[in-house]
Protein backbone atom coordinates (compact mmCIF):
# COMPACT_ATOMS: atom_id res chain seq x y z
CA UNK A 1 0.00 0.00 0.00
CA UNK A 2 1.35 3.41 -0.92
CA UNK A 3 1.48 6.09 1.76
CA UNK A 4 0.41 9.38 0.17
CA UNK A 5 -0.08 11.82 3.06
CA UNK A 6 0.65 12.13 6.77
CA UNK A 7 -1.91 10.71 9.17
CA UNK A 8 -2.40 10.06 12.89
CA UNK A 9 -4.44 7.52 14.84
CA UNK A 10 -4.76 7.05 18.58
CA UNK A 11 -4.28 9.20 21.66
CA UNK A 12 -1.75 9.79 24.40
CA UNK A 13 -4.12 8.44 27.04
CA UNK A 14 -3.12 5.57 29.31
CA UNK A 15 -3.35 2.13 27.63
CA UNK A 16 -3.36 3.67 24.13
CA UNK A 17 -0.80 4.40 21.43
CA UNK A 18 -0.52 7.35 19.05
CA UNK A 19 0.67 6.29 15.60
CA UNK A 20 1.93 8.82 13.06
CA UNK A 21 2.45 7.65 9.48
CA UNK A 22 4.21 9.73 6.82
CA UNK A 23 5.39 9.01 3.28
CA UNK A 24 8.93 7.67 3.05
CA UNK A 25 11.31 6.35 0.43
CA UNK A 26 13.86 4.34 2.45
CA UNK A 27 11.79 1.33 3.47
CA UNK A 28 10.15 1.35 6.89
CA UNK A 29 11.65 3.91 9.28
CA UNK A 30 10.26 3.10 12.72
CA UNK A 31 10.63 5.22 15.86
CA UNK A 32 9.13 3.96 19.11
CA UNK A 33 8.71 5.84 22.38
CA UNK A 34 7.12 3.70 25.07
CA UNK A 35 6.68 3.69 28.82
CA UNK A 36 7.16 -0.09 28.71
CA UNK A 37 9.92 -0.24 26.10
CA UNK A 38 12.38 -2.11 28.31
CA UNK A 39 9.89 -4.88 28.98
CA UNK A 40 7.97 -5.03 25.68
CA UNK A 41 9.93 -3.03 23.09
CA UNK A 42 10.70 -6.04 20.89
CA UNK A 43 7.09 -7.21 20.94
CA UNK A 44 5.81 -3.71 20.10
CA UNK A 45 8.23 -3.52 17.17
CA UNK A 46 7.24 -7.03 16.01
CA UNK A 47 3.53 -6.15 16.17
CA UNK A 48 4.00 -2.92 14.21
CA UNK A 49 6.23 -4.47 11.55
CA UNK A 50 3.94 -7.50 11.15
CA UNK A 51 0.90 -5.29 10.69
CA UNK A 52 2.69 -3.12 8.14
CA UNK A 53 3.78 -6.25 6.28
CA UNK A 54 0.20 -7.62 6.21
CA UNK A 55 -0.91 -4.28 4.70
CA UNK A 56 1.93 -4.41 2.13
CA UNK A 57 3.44 -1.10 3.30
CA UNK A 58 7.01 -0.91 2.01
CA UNK A 59 8.00 2.74 2.39
CA UNK A 60 6.88 4.86 5.33
CA UNK A 61 8.02 6.79 8.36
CA UNK A 62 6.24 5.48 11.45
CA UNK A 63 6.32 7.02 14.92
CA UNK A 64 4.66 5.24 17.81
CA UNK A 65 4.17 6.91 21.19
CA UNK A 66 2.97 4.08 23.41
CA UNK A 67 1.31 4.45 26.79
CA UNK A 68 0.97 0.74 27.53
CA UNK A 69 -1.35 -0.33 24.70
CA UNK A 70 -2.22 -3.98 24.11
CA UNK A 71 -1.18 -5.64 20.84
CA UNK A 72 -4.75 -5.51 19.49
CA UNK A 73 -4.84 -1.75 20.08
CA UNK A 74 -1.47 -1.27 18.37
CA UNK A 75 -2.66 -3.25 15.33
CA UNK A 76 -5.92 -1.27 15.13
CA UNK A 77 -4.12 2.08 15.36
CA UNK A 78 -1.55 1.07 12.72
CA UNK A 79 -4.28 -0.09 10.33
CA UNK A 80 -6.31 3.08 10.83
CA UNK A 81 -3.31 5.40 10.33
CA UNK A 82 -2.13 3.50 7.24
CA UNK A 83 -5.58 3.48 5.62
CA UNK A 84 -5.92 7.22 6.29
CA UNK A 85 -2.43 7.91 4.91
CA UNK A 86 -3.20 5.90 1.77
CA UNK A 87 -6.49 7.74 1.24
CA UNK A 88 -8.55 4.54 1.61
CA UNK A 89 -12.14 4.79 2.77
CA UNK A 90 -13.05 1.08 2.69
CA UNK A 91 -11.37 -0.95 5.43
CA UNK A 92 -10.53 -4.65 5.39
CA UNK A 93 -10.11 -5.29 9.11
CA UNK A 94 -9.23 -8.96 8.50
CA UNK A 95 -5.81 -8.04 7.01
């Protein structure tokens, strides 16, 4: 999926994650800021990268500011931000 414009999904509330997606041209550039990074940083990265791969996103700048979100919340926020950034209005939540 091609990222065409910047987008944001999520909040900075407890148990949520704010995802910012921007167009990129150097593969996936991922920046994570998390209150639980020492404990779950690898799993957060794996969840984000897996979701991007399932959506066929190859070039994008991703910033995640995590406040202790569960994996399902991270996946939902990534999908929402990517669909918004790609200009899609029909969502396939199974992907």
